[in-house]
Structure formats: C-alpha cells, structure tokens
Amino acid sequence: MSKSQLNLPRIVLLDLWHHKWVMVVALLVMLNAIAVVYTSYEGRQYISQWELLLQERDRLDIEWRNLLLEEQSRSEHSRVTRMATKELNMRRPLPKEEVVVRVR
C-alpha cells in the first residue's frame, strides 16, 4: 500500500472540513425533507380522522331524525285518543256530565 492510500480518510475529512457550509446546507435540506414528509403524514392522519368524524356525524344525524319521527308519531292526537280509550278506559264525557266553570 502506498502512503497516499493510508491518508485517504484524513484527506476526505479535510475536504469535508473545507466545505463545511455545504455540508451544513445539505444537512438542513435533509432535515427539511424529513419535516415535509412527517407533516404530510400527519395531515393525512388528520384528514382520515376528519372523515371518520363526518361519517359519525351523519350517522347520528340520521338517528336523530328517526327519533324525531318516532316522537311525532307517538304524540299524534289519534294515537293518544286510541290509547286513552283502549288502555285507560277513558271516554269523552256526555253533555249532561260536563260542568262549566266561570271565572270572574
């Protein structure tokens, strides 16, 4: 082996030292690239979570509408009248059973 081959690592390190600003810029570019990839990944995660939340909101909205329809159907006058007559044995009073109260 020749003497120049033994000093090759030293020559490479000295060359890198002379171009230290280029190495710093290269390192900053690499860190910036990693940061861009990471923020893109996080953005995709947030978009995915947003989509799931929108689906959950739609599901809850449909359930709410169904509950409103059920409430409306349960409170219909004819249904209340039918239940009062059938289950509670209630009836409409006869005219002679009605009492009129006057407030002065």
PDB file of N, CA and C in Angstrom:
ATOM      1  N   MET A   1       0.831  -1.181   0.000  1.00  0.00           N
ATOM      2  CA  MET A   1       0.000   0.000   0.000  1.00  0.00           C
ATOM      3  C   MET A   1       0.874   1.242   0.000  1.00  0.00           C
ATOM      4  N   SER A   2       0.381   2.193  -0.725  1.00  0.00           N
ATOM      5  CA  SER A   2       1.164   3.422  -0.795  1.00  0.00           C
ATOM      6  C   SER A   2       0.766   4.355   0.344  1.00  0.00           C
ATOM      7  N   LYS A   3       1.565   5.380   0.533  1.00  0.00           N
ATOM      8  CA  LYS A   3       1.347   6.314   1.616  1.00  0.00           C
ATOM      9  C   LYS A   3       0.082   7.142   1.394  1.00  0.00           C
ATOM     10  N   SER A   4      -0.285   7.422   0.132  1.00  0.00           N
ATOM     11  CA  SER A   4      -1.470   8.227  -0.156  1.00  0.00           C
ATOM     12  C   SER A   4      -2.751   7.454   0.196  1.00  0.00           C
ATOM     13  N   GLN A   5      -2.703   6.125   0.072  1.00  0.00           N
ATOM     14  CA  GLN A   5      -3.875   5.326   0.416  1.00  0.00           C
ATOM     15  C   GLN A   5      -4.086   5.295   1.924  1.00  0.00           C
ATOM     16  N   LEU A   6      -3.066   5.363   2.707  1.00  0.00           N
ATOM     17  CA  LEU A   6      -3.209   5.352   4.158  1.00  0.00           C
ATOM     18  C   LEU A   6      -3.797   6.671   4.667  1.00  0.00           C
ATOM     19  N   ASN A   7      -3.550   7.736   3.973  1.00  0.00           N
ATOM     20  CA  ASN A   7      -4.042   9.042   4.394  1.00  0.00           C
ATOM     21  C   ASN A   7      -5.370   9.416   3.742  1.00  0.00           C
ATOM     22  N   LEU A   8      -5.993   8.505   3.045  1.00  0.00           N
ATOM     23  CA  LEU A   8      -7.250   8.798   2.343  1.00  0.00           C
ATOM     24  C   LEU A   8      -8.344   9.267   3.305  1.00  0.00           C
ATOM     25  N   PRO A   9      -8.573   8.621   4.439  1.00  0.00           N
ATOM     26  CA  PRO A   9      -9.605   9.125   5.357  1.00  0.00           C
ATOM     27  C   PRO A   9      -9.308  10.540   5.838  1.00  0.00           C
ATOM     28  N   ARG A  10      -8.012  10.806   6.050  1.00  0.00           N
ATOM     29  CA  ARG A  10      -7.625  12.147   6.501  1.00  0.00           C
ATOM     30  C   ARG A  10      -7.890  13.172   5.398  1.00  0.00           C
ATOM     31  N   ILE A  11      -7.612  12.806   4.177  1.00  0.00           N
ATOM     32  CA  ILE A  11      -7.840  13.709   3.046  1.00  0.00           C
ATOM     33  C   ILE A  11      -9.339  13.988   2.885  1.00  0.00           C
ATOM     34  N   VAL A  12     -10.161  12.957   3.036  1.00  0.00           N
ATOM     35  CA  VAL A  12     -11.618  13.120   2.913  1.00  0.00           C
ATOM     36  C   VAL A  12     -12.131  14.034   4.020  1.00  0.00           C
ATOM     37  N   LEU A  13     -11.677  13.828   5.248  1.00  0.00           N
ATOM     38  CA  LEU A  13     -12.122  14.671   6.361  1.00  0.00           C
ATOM     39  C   LEU A  13     -11.680  16.124   6.181  1.00  0.00           C
ATOM     40  N   LEU A  14     -10.483  16.336   5.699  1.00  0.00           N
ATOM     41  CA  LEU A  14     -10.025  17.705   5.453  1.00  0.00           C
ATOM     42  C   LEU A  14     -10.842  18.370   4.351  1.00  0.00           C
ATOM     43  N   ASP A  15     -11.186  17.617   3.327  1.00  0.00           N
ATOM     44  CA  ASP A  15     -12.003  18.161   2.243  1.00  0.00           C
ATOM     45  C   ASP A  15     -13.408  18.524   2.746  1.00  0.00           C
ATOM     46  N   LEU A  16     -13.959  17.661   3.578  1.00  0.00           N
ATOM     47  CA  LEU A  16     -15.269  17.958   4.164  1.00  0.00           C
ATOM     48  C   LEU A  16     -15.197  19.189   5.058  1.00  0.00           C
ATOM     49  N   TRP A  17     -14.104  19.313   5.783  1.00  0.00           N
ATOM     50  CA  TRP A  17     -13.942  20.471   6.667  1.00  0.00           C
ATOM     51  C   TRP A  17     -13.863  21.768   5.863  1.00  0.00           C
ATOM     52  N   HIS A  18     -13.212  21.728   4.712  1.00  0.00           N
ATOM     53  CA  HIS A  18     -13.120  22.917   3.862  1.00  0.00           C
ATOM     54  C   HIS A  18     -14.471  23.304   3.262  1.00  0.00           C
ATOM     55  N   HIS A  19     -15.350  22.339   3.139  1.00  0.00           N
ATOM     56  CA  HIS A  19     -16.697  22.588   2.574  1.00  0.00           C
ATOM     57  C   HIS A  19     -17.772  22.416   3.654  1.00  0.00           C
ATOM     58  N   LYS A  20     -17.474  22.883   4.845  1.00  0.00           N
ATOM     59  CA  LYS A  20     -18.390  22.662   5.978  1.00  0.00           C
ATOM     60  C   LYS A  20     -19.747  23.346   5.764  1.00  0.00           C
ATOM     61  N   TRP A  21     -19.791  24.508   5.116  1.00  0.00           N
ATOM     62  CA  TRP A  21     -21.060  25.192   4.887  1.00  0.00           C
ATOM     63  C   TRP A  21     -21.926  24.416   3.898  1.00  0.00           C
ATOM     64  N   VAL A  22     -21.314  23.798   2.949  1.00  0.00           N
ATOM     65  CA  VAL A  22     -22.070  22.958   2.009  1.00  0.00           C
ATOM     66  C   VAL A  22     -22.672  21.773   2.757  1.00  0.00           C
ATOM     67  N   MET A  23     -21.897  21.209   3.679  1.00  0.00           N
ATOM     68  CA  MET A  23     -22.392  20.074   4.468  1.00  0.00           C
ATOM     69  C   MET A  23     -23.540  20.508   5.389  1.00  0.00           C
ATOM     70  N   VAL A  24     -23.425  21.702   5.974  1.00  0.00           N
ATOM     71  CA  VAL A  24     -24.491  22.209   6.846  1.00  0.00           C
ATOM     72  C   VAL A  24     -25.768  22.429   6.024  1.00  0.00           C
ATOM     73  N   VAL A  25     -25.629  23.016   4.861  1.00  0.00           N
ATOM     74  CA  VAL A  25     -26.794  23.239   3.996  1.00  0.00           C
ATOM     75  C   VAL A  25     -27.403  21.905   3.569  1.00  0.00           C
ATOM     76  N   ALA A  26     -26.571  20.934   3.232  1.00  0.00           N
ATOM     77  CA  ALA A  26     -27.071  19.611   2.841  1.00  0.00           C
ATOM     78  C   ALA A  26     -27.823  18.961   3.997  1.00  0.00           C
ATOM     79  N   LEU A  27     -27.301  19.111   5.206  1.00  0.00           N
ATOM     80  CA  LEU A  27     -27.959  18.558   6.386  1.00  0.00           C
ATOM     81  C   LEU A  27     -29.298  19.261   6.618  1.00  0.00           C
ATOM     82  N   LEU A  28     -29.331  20.573   6.459  1.00  0.00           N
ATOM     83  CA  LEU A  28     -30.585  21.312   6.624  1.00  0.00           C
ATOM     84  C   LEU A  28     -31.616  20.917   5.572  1.00  0.00           C
ATOM     85  N   VAL A  29     -31.172  20.687   4.359  1.00  0.00           N
ATOM     86  CA  VAL A  29     -32.089  20.237   3.298  1.00  0.00           C
ATOM     87  C   VAL A  29     -32.675  18.875   3.651  1.00  0.00           C
ATOM     88  N   MET A  30     -31.843  17.986   4.163  1.00  0.00           N
ATOM     89  CA  MET A  30     -32.324  16.645   4.550  1.00  0.00           C
ATOM     90  C   MET A  30     -33.327  16.752   5.701  1.00  0.00           C
ATOM     91  N   LEU A  31     -33.033  17.584   6.697  1.00  0.00           N
ATOM     92  CA  LEU A  31     -33.964  17.765   7.816  1.00  0.00           C
ATOM     93  C   LEU A  31     -35.279  18.368   7.336  1.00  0.00           C
ATOM     94  N   ASN A  32     -35.196  19.310   6.405  1.00  0.00           N
ATOM     95  CA  ASN A  32     -36.407  19.910   5.845  1.00  0.00           C
ATOM     96  C   ASN A  32     -37.226  18.863   5.091  1.00  0.00           C
ATOM     97  N   ALA A  33     -36.578  18.004   4.337  1.00  0.00           N
ATOM     98  CA  ALA A  33     -37.282  16.948   3.596  1.00  0.00           C
ATOM     99  C   ALA A  33     -37.987  16.000   4.564  1.00  0.00           C
ATOM    100  N   ILE A  34     -37.316  15.650   5.654  1.00  0.00           N
ATOM    101  CA  ILE A  34     -37.928  14.774   6.658  1.00  0.00           C
ATOM    102  C   ILE A  34     -39.134  15.472   7.295  1.00  0.00           C
ATOM    103  N   ALA A  35     -39.000  16.778   7.564  1.00  0.00           N
ATOM    104  CA  ALA A  35     -40.109  17.527   8.154  1.00  0.00           C
ATOM    105  C   ALA A  35     -41.300  17.578   7.207  1.00  0.00           C
ATOM    106  N   VAL A  36     -41.061  17.736   5.915  1.00  0.00           N
ATOM    107  CA  VAL A  36     -42.155  17.771   4.932  1.00  0.00           C
ATOM    108  C   VAL A  36     -42.866  16.427   4.894  1.00  0.00           C
ATOM    109  N   VAL A  37     -42.113  15.353   4.888  1.00  0.00           N
ATOM    110  CA  VAL A  37     -42.716  14.015   4.870  1.00  0.00           C
ATOM    111  C   VAL A  37     -43.538  13.790   6.136  1.00  0.00           C
ATOM    112  N   TYR A  38     -43.005  14.197   7.279  1.00  0.00           N
ATOM    113  CA  TYR A  38     -43.714  13.997   8.549  1.00  0.00           C
ATOM    114  C   TYR A  38     -45.003  14.816   8.602  1.00  0.00           C
ATOM    115  N   THR A  39     -44.946  16.076   8.197  1.00  0.00           N
ATOM    116  CA  THR A  39     -46.163  16.891   8.233  1.00  0.00           C
ATOM    117  C   THR A  39     -47.203  16.398   7.215  1.00  0.00           C
ATOM    118  N   SER A  40     -46.759  15.876   6.086  1.00  0.00           N
ATOM    119  CA  SER A  40     -47.698  15.286   5.127  1.00  0.00           C
ATOM    120  C   SER A  40     -48.383  14.071   5.738  1.00  0.00           C
ATOM    121  N   TYR A  41     -47.619  13.259   6.430  1.00  0.00           N
ATOM    122  CA  TYR A  41     -48.171  12.081   7.100  1.00  0.00           C
ATOM    123  C   TYR A  41     -49.205  12.500   8.149  1.00  0.00           C
ATOM    124  N   GLU A  42     -48.858  13.476   8.972  1.00  0.00           N
ATOM    125  CA  GLU A  42     -49.799  13.943   9.989  1.00  0.00           C
ATOM    126  C   GLU A  42     -51.049  14.533   9.354  1.00  0.00           C
ATOM    127  N   GLY A  43     -50.873  15.278   8.277  1.00  0.00           N
ATOM    128  CA  GLY A  43     -52.031  15.840   7.582  1.00  0.00           C
ATOM    129  C   GLY A  43     -52.963  14.759   7.080  1.00  0.00           C
ATOM    130  N   ARG A  44     -52.417  13.699   6.540  1.00  0.00           N
ATOM    131  CA  ARG A  44     -53.248  12.578   6.066  1.00  0.00           C
ATOM    132  C   ARG A  44     -53.972  11.911   7.236  1.00  0.00           C
ATOM    133  N   GLN A  45     -53.282  11.806   8.372  1.00  0.00           N
ATOM    134  CA  GLN A  45     -53.924  11.215   9.555  1.00  0.00           C
ATOM    135  C   GLN A  45     -55.105  12.071  10.005  1.00  0.00           C
ATOM    136  N   TYR A  46     -54.916  13.398  10.027  1.00  0.00           N
ATOM    137  CA  TYR A  46     -55.997  14.287  10.443  1.00  0.00           C
ATOM    138  C   TYR A  46     -57.155  14.249   9.456  1.00  0.00           C
ATOM    139  N   ILE A  47     -56.868  14.171   8.175  1.00  0.00           N
ATOM    140  CA  ILE A  47     -57.937  14.088   7.172  1.00  0.00           C
ATOM    141  C   ILE A  47     -58.711  12.785   7.340  1.00  0.00           C
ATOM    142  N   SER A  48     -58.007  11.701   7.603  1.00  0.00           N
ATOM    143  CA  SER A  48     -58.671  10.418   7.829  1.00  0.00           C
ATOM    144  C   SER A  48     -59.570  10.488   9.060  1.00  0.00           C
ATOM    145  N   GLN A  49     -59.067  11.083  10.129  1.00  0.00           N
ATOM    146  CA  GLN A  49     -59.864  11.226  11.345  1.00  0.00           C
ATOM    147  C   GLN A  49     -61.067  12.128  11.091  1.00  0.00           C
ATOM    148  N   TRP A  50     -60.884  13.182  10.320  1.00  0.00           N
ATOM    149  CA  TRP A  50     -61.975  14.100   9.962  1.00  0.00           C
ATOM    150  C   TRP A  50     -63.073  13.355   9.212  1.00  0.00           C
ATOM    151  N   GLU A  51     -62.687  12.501   8.262  1.00  0.00           N
ATOM    152  CA  GLU A  51     -63.670  11.721   7.504  1.00  0.00           C
ATOM    153  C   GLU A  51     -64.467  10.799   8.424  1.00  0.00           C
ATOM    154  N   LEU A  52     -63.784  10.164   9.370  1.00  0.00           N
ATOM    155  CA  LEU A  52     -64.491   9.297  10.311  1.00  0.00           C
ATOM    156  C   LEU A  52     -65.473  10.090  11.162  1.00  0.00           C
ATOM    157  N   LEU A  53     -65.072  11.272  11.591  1.00  0.00           N
ATOM    158  CA  LEU A  53     -65.965  12.109  12.384  1.00  0.00           C
ATOM    159  C   LEU A  53     -67.161  12.577  11.572  1.00  0.00           C
ATOM    160  N   LEU A  54     -66.958  12.874  10.293  1.00  0.00           N
ATOM    161  CA  LEU A  54     -68.079  13.263   9.434  1.00  0.00           C
ATOM    162  C   LEU A  54     -69.062  12.104   9.262  1.00  0.00           C
ATOM    163  N   GLN A  55     -68.543  10.896   9.106  1.00  0.00           N
ATOM    164  CA  GLN A  55     -69.418   9.726   8.987  1.00  0.00           C
ATOM    165  C   GLN A  55     -70.210   9.514  10.275  1.00  0.00           C
ATOM    166  N   GLU A  56     -69.550   9.692  11.417  1.00  0.00           N
ATOM    167  CA  GLU A  56     -70.228   9.545  12.702  1.00  0.00           C
ATOM    168  C   GLU A  56     -71.308  10.616  12.856  1.00  0.00           C
ATOM    169  N   ARG A  57     -71.010  11.847  12.430  1.00  0.00           N
ATOM    170  CA  ARG A  57     -71.995  12.920  12.494  1.00  0.00           C
ATOM    171  C   ARG A  57     -73.202  12.591  11.629  1.00  0.00           C
ATOM    172  N   ASP A  58     -72.976  12.078  10.430  1.00  0.00           N
ATOM    173  CA  ASP A  58     -74.083  11.709   9.542  1.00  0.00           C
ATOM    174  C   ASP A  58     -74.924  10.597  10.153  1.00  0.00           C
ATOM    175  N   ARG A  59     -74.263   9.614  10.756  1.00  0.00           N
ATOM    176  CA  ARG A  59     -74.991   8.512  11.399  1.00  0.00           C
ATOM    177  C   ARG A  59     -75.853   9.029  12.548  1.00  0.00           C
ATOM    178  N   LEU A  60     -75.275   9.920  13.366  1.00  0.00           N
ATOM    179  CA  LEU A  60     -76.032  10.480  14.480  1.00  0.00           C
ATOM    180  C   LEU A  60     -77.169  11.375  13.991  1.00  0.00           C
ATOM    181  N   ASP A  61     -76.954  12.081  12.907  1.00  0.00           N
ATOM    182  CA  ASP A  61     -77.998  12.933  12.339  1.00  0.00           C
ATOM    183  C   ASP A  61     -79.171  12.086  11.859  1.00  0.00           C
ATOM    184  N   ILE A  62     -78.892  10.969  11.209  1.00  0.00           N
ATOM    185  CA  ILE A  62     -79.956  10.064  10.749  1.00  0.00           C
ATOM    186  C   ILE A  62     -80.704   9.488  11.943  1.00  0.00           C
ATOM    187  N   GLU A  63     -79.960   9.094  12.970  1.00  0.00           N
ATOM    188  CA  GLU A  63     -80.600   8.550  14.169  1.00  0.00           C
ATOM    189  C   GLU A  63     -81.489   9.613  14.830  1.00  0.00           C
ATOM    190  N   TRP A  64     -81.017  10.852  14.880  1.00  0.00           N
ATOM    191  CA  TRP A  64     -81.801  11.941  15.462  1.00  0.00           C
ATOM    192  C   TRP A  64     -83.091  12.160  14.682  1.00  0.00           C
ATOM    193  N   ARG A  65     -83.011  12.154  13.360  1.00  0.00           N
ATOM    194  CA  ARG A  65     -84.220  12.321  12.543  1.00  0.00           C
ATOM    195  C   ARG A  65     -85.213  11.192  12.783  1.00  0.00           C
ATOM    196  N   ASN A  66     -84.699   9.973  12.904  1.00  0.00           N
ATOM    197  CA  ASN A  66     -85.589   8.843  13.177  1.00  0.00           C
ATOM    198  C   ASN A  66     -86.257   8.991  14.539  1.00  0.00           C
ATOM    199  N   LEU A  67     -85.511   9.475  15.522  1.00  0.00           N
ATOM    200  CA  LEU A  67     -86.090   9.678  16.845  1.00  0.00           C
ATOM    201  C   LEU A  67     -87.157  10.780  16.819  1.00  0.00           C
ATOM    202  N   LEU A  68     -86.914  11.819  16.037  1.00  0.00           N
ATOM    203  CA  LEU A  68     -87.926  12.876  15.911  1.00  0.00           C
ATOM    204  C   LEU A  68     -89.198  12.343  15.261  1.00  0.00           C
ATOM    205  N   LEU A  69     -89.047  11.522  14.231  1.00  0.00           N
ATOM    206  CA  LEU A  69     -90.223  10.924  13.587  1.00  0.00           C
ATOM    207  C   LEU A  69     -90.976  10.022  14.562  1.00  0.00           C
ATOM    208  N   GLU A  70     -90.230   9.251  15.336  1.00  0.00           N
ATOM    209  CA  GLU A  70     -90.867   8.368  16.304  1.00  0.00           C
ATOM    210  C   GLU A  70     -91.616   9.189  17.366  1.00  0.00           C
ATOM    211  N   GLU A  71     -90.990  10.253  17.827  1.00  0.00           N
ATOM    212  CA  GLU A  71     -91.645  11.112  18.814  1.00  0.00           C
ATOM    213  C   GLU A  71     -92.915  11.728  18.242  1.00  0.00           C
ATOM    214  N   GLN A  72     -92.842  12.171  17.011  1.00  0.00           N
ATOM    215  CA  GLN A  72     -94.002  12.775  16.360  1.00  0.00           C
ATOM    216  C   GLN A  72     -95.139  11.757  16.218  1.00  0.00           C
ATOM    217  N   SER A  73     -94.788  10.548  15.812  1.00  0.00           N
ATOM    218  CA  SER A  73     -95.832   9.538  15.628  1.00  0.00           C
ATOM    219  C   SER A  73     -96.439   9.115  16.964  1.00  0.00           C
ATOM    220  N   ARG A  74     -95.647   9.121  18.021  1.00  0.00           N
ATOM    221  CA  ARG A  74     -96.178   8.736  19.328  1.00  0.00           C
ATOM    222  C   ARG A  74     -97.068   9.820  19.938  1.00  0.00           C
ATOM    223  N   SER A  75     -96.884  11.032  19.508  1.00  0.00           N
ATOM    224  CA  SER A  75     -97.666  12.121  20.102  1.00  0.00           C
ATOM    225  C   SER A  75     -98.853  12.541  19.235  1.00  0.00           C
ATOM    226  N   GLU A  76     -99.152  11.799  18.217  1.00  0.00           N
ATOM    227  CA  GLU A  76    -100.308  12.130  17.374  1.00  0.00           C
ATOM    228  C   GLU A  76    -101.591  12.038  18.191  1.00  0.00           C
ATOM    229  N   HIS A  77    -102.508  12.932  17.902  1.00  0.00           N
ATOM    230  CA  HIS A  77    -103.753  13.008  18.666  1.00  0.00           C
ATOM    231  C   HIS A  77    -104.563  11.711  18.582  1.00  0.00           C
ATOM    232  N   SER A  78    -104.678  11.166  17.380  1.00  0.00           N
ATOM    233  CA  SER A  78    -105.490   9.950  17.224  1.00  0.00           C
ATOM    234  C   SER A  78    -104.893   8.789  18.014  1.00  0.00           C
ATOM    235  N   ARG A  79    -103.616   8.721  18.063  1.00  0.00           N
ATOM    236  CA  ARG A  79    -102.973   7.641  18.812  1.00  0.00           C
ATOM    237  C   ARG A  79    -103.210   7.830  20.297  1.00  0.00           C
ATOM    238  N   VAL A  80    -103.092   9.069  20.762  1.00  0.00           N
ATOM    239  CA  VAL A  80    -103.330   9.346  22.181  1.00  0.00           C
ATOM    240  C   VAL A  80    -104.780   9.016  22.534  1.00  0.00           C
ATOM    241  N   THR A  81    -105.684   9.413  21.682  1.00  0.00           N
ATOM    242  CA  THR A  81    -107.100   9.116  21.928  1.00  0.00           C
ATOM    243  C   THR A  81    -107.342   7.615  21.962  1.00  0.00           C
ATOM    244  N   ARG A  82    -106.793   6.909  21.023  1.00  0.00           N
ATOM    245  CA  ARG A  82    -106.955   5.455  20.958  1.00  0.00           C
ATOM    246  C   ARG A  82    -106.379   4.785  22.208  1.00  0.00           C
ATOM    247  N   MET A  83    -105.207   5.203  22.629  1.00  0.00           N
ATOM    248  CA  MET A  83    -104.590   4.603  23.815  1.00  0.00           C
ATOM    249  C   MET A  83    -105.394   4.926  25.073  1.00  0.00           C
ATOM    250  N   ALA A  84    -105.901   6.165  25.169  1.00  0.00           N
ATOM    251  CA  ALA A  84    -106.691   6.549  26.341  1.00  0.00           C
ATOM    252  C   ALA A  84    -107.967   5.727  26.416  1.00  0.00           C
ATOM    253  N   THR A  85    -108.593   5.510  25.287  1.00  0.00           N
ATOM    254  CA  THR A  85    -109.833   4.730  25.257  1.00  0.00           C
ATOM    255  C   THR A  85    -109.574   3.264  25.544  1.00  0.00           C
ATOM    256  N   LYS A  86    -108.576   2.711  24.904  1.00  0.00           N
ATOM    257  CA  LYS A  86    -108.340   1.279  24.981  1.00  0.00           C
ATOM    258  C   LYS A  86    -107.625   0.869  26.271  1.00  0.00           C
ATOM    259  N   GLU A  87    -106.553   1.533  26.610  1.00  0.00           N
ATOM    260  CA  GLU A  87    -105.724   1.085  27.732  1.00  0.00           C
ATOM    261  C   GLU A  87    -106.160   1.665  29.077  1.00  0.00           C
ATOM    262  N   LEU A  88    -106.726   2.876  29.062  1.00  0.00           N
ATOM    263  CA  LEU A  88    -107.089   3.526  30.318  1.00  0.00           C
ATOM    264  C   LEU A  88    -108.595   3.585  30.543  1.00  0.00           C
ATOM    265  N   ASN A  89    -109.353   3.034  29.600  1.00  0.00           N
ATOM    266  CA  ASN A  89    -110.818   3.025  29.680  1.00  0.00           C
ATOM    267  C   ASN A  89    -111.385   4.431  29.871  1.00  0.00           C
ATOM    268  N   MET A  90    -110.764   5.372  29.208  1.00  0.00           N
ATOM    269  CA  MET A  90    -111.262   6.746  29.284  1.00  0.00           C
ATOM    270  C   MET A  90    -112.275   6.953  28.164  1.00  0.00           C
ATOM    271  N   ARG A  91    -113.178   7.922  28.393  1.00  0.00           N
ATOM    272  CA  ARG A  91    -114.169   8.253  27.374  1.00  0.00           C
ATOM    273  C   ARG A  91    -114.464   9.740  27.461  1.00  0.00           C
ATOM    274  N   ARG A  92    -115.059  10.226  26.422  1.00  0.00           N
ATOM    275  CA  ARG A  92    -115.444  11.631  26.386  1.00  0.00           C
ATOM    276  C   ARG A  92    -116.704  11.787  27.245  1.00  0.00           C
ATOM    277  N   PRO A  93    -116.749  12.826  28.081  1.00  0.00           N
ATOM    278  CA  PRO A  93    -117.946  12.986  28.924  1.00  0.00           C
ATOM    279  C   PRO A  93    -119.182  13.350  28.093  1.00  0.00           C
ATOM    280  N   LEU A  94    -120.308  12.916  28.570  1.00  0.00           N
ATOM    281  CA  LEU A  94    -121.575  13.252  27.926  1.00  0.00           C
ATOM    282  C   LEU A  94    -121.902  14.719  28.220  1.00  0.00           C
ATOM    283  N   PRO A  95    -122.716  15.318  27.370  1.00  0.00           N
ATOM    284  CA  PRO A  95    -123.053  16.737  27.608  1.00  0.00           C
ATOM    285  C   PRO A  95    -123.645  16.994  28.999  1.00  0.00           C
ATOM    286  N   LYS A  96    -124.435  16.079  29.520  1.00  0.00           N
ATOM    287  CA  LYS A  96    -125.032  16.297  30.843  1.00  0.00           C
ATOM    288  C   LYS A  96    -124.012  16.143  31.966  1.00  0.00           C
ATOM    289  N   GLU A  97    -122.863  15.523  31.654  1.00  0.00           N
ATOM    290  CA  GLU A  97    -121.809  15.345  32.667  1.00  0.00           C
ATOM    291  C   GLU A  97    -120.797  16.496  32.672  1.00  0.00           C
ATOM    292  N   GLU A  98    -120.893  17.345  31.697  1.00  0.00           N
ATOM    293  CA  GLU A  98    -119.962  18.471  31.608  1.00  0.00           C
ATOM    294  C   GLU A  98    -120.334  19.541  32.612  1.00  0.00           C
ATOM    295  N   VAL A  99    -119.321  20.166  33.186  1.00  0.00           N
ATOM    296  CA  VAL A  99    -119.532  21.256  34.137  1.00  0.00           C
ATOM    297  C   VAL A  99    -118.794  22.466  33.602  1.00  0.00           C
ATOM    298  N   VAL A 100    -119.490  23.597  33.533  1.00  0.00           N
ATOM    299  CA  VAL A 100    -118.889  24.828  33.049  1.00  0.00           C
ATOM    300  C   VAL A 100    -118.491  25.657  34.249  1.00  0.00           C
ATOM    301  N   VAL A 101    -117.257  26.083  34.295  1.00  0.00           N
ATOM    302  CA  VAL A 101    -116.769  26.909  35.400  1.00  0.00           C
ATOM    303  C   VAL A 101    -116.545  28.307  34.856  1.00  0.00           C
ATOM    304  N   ARG A 102    -117.121  29.268  35.522  1.00  0.00           N
ATOM    305  CA  ARG A 102    -116.982  30.655  35.091  1.00  0.00           C
ATOM    306  C   ARG A 102    -116.024  31.352  36.050  1.00  0.00           C
ATOM    307  N   VAL A 103    -115.119  32.125  35.502  1.00  0.00           N
ATOM    308  CA  VAL A 103    -114.164  32.880  36.305  1.00  0.00           C
ATOM    309  C   VAL A 103    -114.535  34.341  36.219  1.00  0.00           C
ATOM    310  N   ARG A 104    -114.594  34.998  37.350  1.00  0.00           N
ATOM    311  CA  ARG A 104    -114.967  36.427  37.369  1.00  0.00           C
ATOM    312  C   ARG A 104    -113.760  37.276  37.393  1.00  0.00           C
TER     313      ARG A 104
END
